């Protein structure tokens, strides 16, 4: 999943960037033309973000 980020400030920055990316993708979706694959991609992005948050949380413990 990339390089290990142990610095708390870098972790927060990474999460903010990923969340911003998710929001940008969400803004581009047109409800009338959205395909199931688009929804699956959004769900996967959120799952990945949640996993990364858990990884960061566990590095603090």
N, C-alpha and C. Protein backbone atom coordinates (compact mmCIF):
# COMPACT_ATOMS: atom_id res chain seq x y z
N UNK A 1 0.81 -1.20 0.00
CA UNK A 1 0.00 0.00 0.00
C UNK A 1 0.85 1.26 0.00
N UNK A 2 2.08 1.17 -0.32
CA UNK A 2 2.93 2.34 -0.36
C UNK A 2 3.87 2.40 0.82
N UNK A 3 4.49 3.55 0.96
CA UNK A 3 5.45 3.76 2.04
C UNK A 3 4.75 3.87 3.39
N UNK A 4 5.43 3.42 4.43
CA UNK A 4 4.92 3.50 5.79
C UNK A 4 5.02 4.95 6.27
N UNK A 5 3.90 5.47 6.76
CA UNK A 5 3.87 6.83 7.28
C UNK A 5 3.69 6.74 8.79
N UNK A 6 4.69 7.17 9.55
CA UNK A 6 4.61 7.06 11.00
C UNK A 6 4.43 8.41 11.68
N UNK A 7 4.73 9.48 10.99
CA UNK A 7 4.59 10.82 11.54
C UNK A 7 3.10 11.20 11.58
N UNK A 8 2.57 11.56 12.76
CA UNK A 8 1.13 11.88 12.87
C UNK A 8 0.67 13.00 11.94
N UNK A 9 1.49 14.01 11.74
CA UNK A 9 1.11 15.11 10.84
C UNK A 9 1.01 14.62 9.40
N UNK A 10 1.93 13.75 9.00
CA UNK A 10 1.87 13.19 7.65
C UNK A 10 0.67 12.27 7.49
N UNK A 11 0.32 11.55 8.56
CA UNK A 11 -0.84 10.67 8.51
C UNK A 11 -2.11 11.49 8.29
N UNK A 12 -2.26 12.57 9.03
CA UNK A 12 -3.44 13.43 8.90
C UNK A 12 -3.47 14.04 7.50
N UNK A 13 -2.34 14.48 7.03
CA UNK A 13 -2.27 15.06 5.69
C UNK A 13 -2.66 14.04 4.63
N UNK A 14 -2.17 12.82 4.76
CA UNK A 14 -2.51 11.75 3.83
C UNK A 14 -4.03 11.51 3.83
N UNK A 15 -4.61 11.40 5.01
CA UNK A 15 -6.05 11.15 5.12
C UNK A 15 -6.86 12.30 4.52
N UNK A 16 -6.44 13.52 4.77
CA UNK A 16 -7.12 14.68 4.20
C UNK A 16 -7.07 14.65 2.67
N UNK A 17 -5.90 14.33 2.14
CA UNK A 17 -5.74 14.26 0.69
C UNK A 17 -6.64 13.19 0.08
N UNK A 18 -6.67 12.03 0.72
CA UNK A 18 -7.50 10.93 0.22
C UNK A 18 -8.99 11.27 0.31
N UNK A 19 -9.39 11.93 1.40
CA UNK A 19 -10.78 12.33 1.54
C UNK A 19 -11.14 13.38 0.49
N UNK A 20 -10.25 14.30 0.25
CA UNK A 20 -10.48 15.32 -0.78
C UNK A 20 -10.63 14.66 -2.15
N UNK A 21 -9.81 13.66 -2.43
CA UNK A 21 -9.91 12.94 -3.69
C UNK A 21 -11.28 12.27 -3.81
N UNK A 22 -11.73 11.65 -2.72
CA UNK A 22 -13.04 11.00 -2.71
C UNK A 22 -14.14 12.02 -3.00
N UNK A 23 -14.08 13.17 -2.34
CA UNK A 23 -15.10 14.20 -2.53
C UNK A 23 -15.11 14.73 -3.96
N UNK A 24 -13.94 14.84 -4.57
CA UNK A 24 -13.87 15.29 -5.95
C UNK A 24 -14.52 14.27 -6.89
N UNK A 25 -14.27 13.01 -6.66
CA UNK A 25 -14.89 11.96 -7.47
C UNK A 25 -16.41 11.99 -7.26
N UNK A 26 -16.83 12.13 -6.03
CA UNK A 26 -18.25 12.18 -5.70
C UNK A 26 -18.94 13.35 -6.41
N UNK A 27 -18.27 14.49 -6.46
CA UNK A 27 -18.84 15.68 -7.11
C UNK A 27 -19.01 15.49 -8.62
N UNK A 28 -18.21 14.64 -9.22
CA UNK A 28 -18.28 14.47 -10.67
C UNK A 28 -19.35 13.46 -11.10
N UNK A 29 -19.91 12.75 -10.16
CA UNK A 29 -20.88 11.72 -10.50
C UNK A 29 -22.24 12.34 -10.79
N UNK A 30 -22.81 11.94 -11.92
CA UNK A 30 -24.15 12.36 -12.30
C UNK A 30 -25.13 11.26 -11.92
N UNK A 31 -26.08 11.55 -11.02
CA UNK A 31 -27.00 10.50 -10.57
C UNK A 31 -27.76 9.79 -11.70
N UNK A 32 -28.09 10.52 -12.75
CA UNK A 32 -28.86 9.93 -13.84
C UNK A 32 -28.06 8.91 -14.66
N UNK A 33 -26.75 9.06 -14.67
CA UNK A 33 -25.92 8.21 -15.53
C UNK A 33 -24.95 7.32 -14.76
N UNK A 34 -25.06 7.32 -13.44
CA UNK A 34 -24.13 6.56 -12.61
C UNK A 34 -24.33 5.06 -12.80
N UNK A 35 -23.25 4.35 -13.02
CA UNK A 35 -23.26 2.91 -13.18
C UNK A 35 -22.92 2.25 -11.84
N UNK A 36 -23.26 1.00 -11.72
CA UNK A 36 -22.95 0.24 -10.52
C UNK A 36 -21.45 0.23 -10.24
N UNK A 37 -20.63 0.19 -11.29
CA UNK A 37 -19.18 0.20 -11.13
C UNK A 37 -18.70 1.49 -10.46
N UNK A 38 -19.38 2.60 -10.76
CA UNK A 38 -19.03 3.87 -10.14
C UNK A 38 -19.28 3.82 -8.63
N UNK A 39 -20.42 3.28 -8.25
CA UNK A 39 -20.76 3.14 -6.84
C UNK A 39 -19.78 2.20 -6.15
N UNK A 40 -19.45 1.10 -6.82
CA UNK A 40 -18.48 0.15 -6.26
C UNK A 40 -17.13 0.82 -6.04
N UNK A 41 -16.74 1.68 -6.97
CA UNK A 41 -15.46 2.38 -6.85
C UNK A 41 -15.48 3.31 -5.64
N UNK A 42 -16.58 4.02 -5.43
CA UNK A 42 -16.70 4.90 -4.26
C UNK A 42 -16.64 4.10 -2.97
N UNK A 43 -17.32 2.98 -2.94
CA UNK A 43 -17.30 2.12 -1.75
C UNK A 43 -15.89 1.63 -1.48
N UNK A 44 -15.17 1.24 -2.53
CA UNK A 44 -13.80 0.77 -2.38
C UNK A 44 -12.89 1.88 -1.85
N UNK A 45 -13.10 3.10 -2.35
CA UNK A 45 -12.31 4.23 -1.87
C UNK A 45 -12.54 4.45 -0.37
N UNK A 46 -13.79 4.36 0.07
CA UNK A 46 -14.09 4.53 1.49
C UNK A 46 -13.52 3.39 2.32
N UNK A 47 -13.61 2.17 1.80
CA UNK A 47 -13.02 1.02 2.51
C UNK A 47 -11.51 1.19 2.66
N UNK A 48 -10.86 1.65 1.60
CA UNK A 48 -9.41 1.87 1.65
C UNK A 48 -9.05 2.95 2.66
N UNK A 49 -9.86 4.01 2.69
CA UNK A 49 -9.62 5.09 3.64
C UNK A 49 -9.82 4.62 5.08
N UNK A 50 -10.84 3.83 5.30
CA UNK A 50 -11.08 3.28 6.63
C UNK A 50 -9.94 2.36 7.06
N UNK A 51 -9.46 1.54 6.15
CA UNK A 51 -8.34 0.65 6.46
C UNK A 51 -7.10 1.45 6.84
N UNK A 52 -6.82 2.49 6.08
CA UNK A 52 -5.64 3.31 6.36
C UNK A 52 -5.79 4.01 7.71
N UNK A 53 -6.99 4.48 8.03
CA UNK A 53 -7.22 5.11 9.33
C UNK A 53 -6.95 4.12 10.46
N UNK A 54 -7.39 2.90 10.30
CA UNK A 54 -7.15 1.87 11.32
C UNK A 54 -5.67 1.57 11.45
N UNK A 55 -4.96 1.52 10.32
CA UNK A 55 -3.52 1.28 10.36
C UNK A 55 -2.81 2.40 11.11
N UNK A 56 -3.20 3.64 10.84
CA UNK A 56 -2.58 4.78 11.53
C UNK A 56 -2.91 4.73 13.01
N UNK A 57 -4.15 4.40 13.33
CA UNK A 57 -4.57 4.31 14.74
C UNK A 57 -3.74 3.26 15.48
N UNK A 58 -3.51 2.13 14.85
CA UNK A 58 -2.75 1.04 15.48
C UNK A 58 -1.27 1.36 15.64
N UNK A 59 -0.73 2.26 14.83
CA UNK A 59 0.69 2.61 14.98
C UNK A 59 0.91 3.49 16.22
N UNK A 60 -0.15 4.14 16.69
CA UNK A 60 -0.04 4.99 17.88
C UNK A 60 -0.11 4.19 19.17
N UNK A 61 -0.67 2.99 19.10
CA UNK A 61 -0.85 2.19 20.30
C UNK A 61 0.37 1.37 20.63
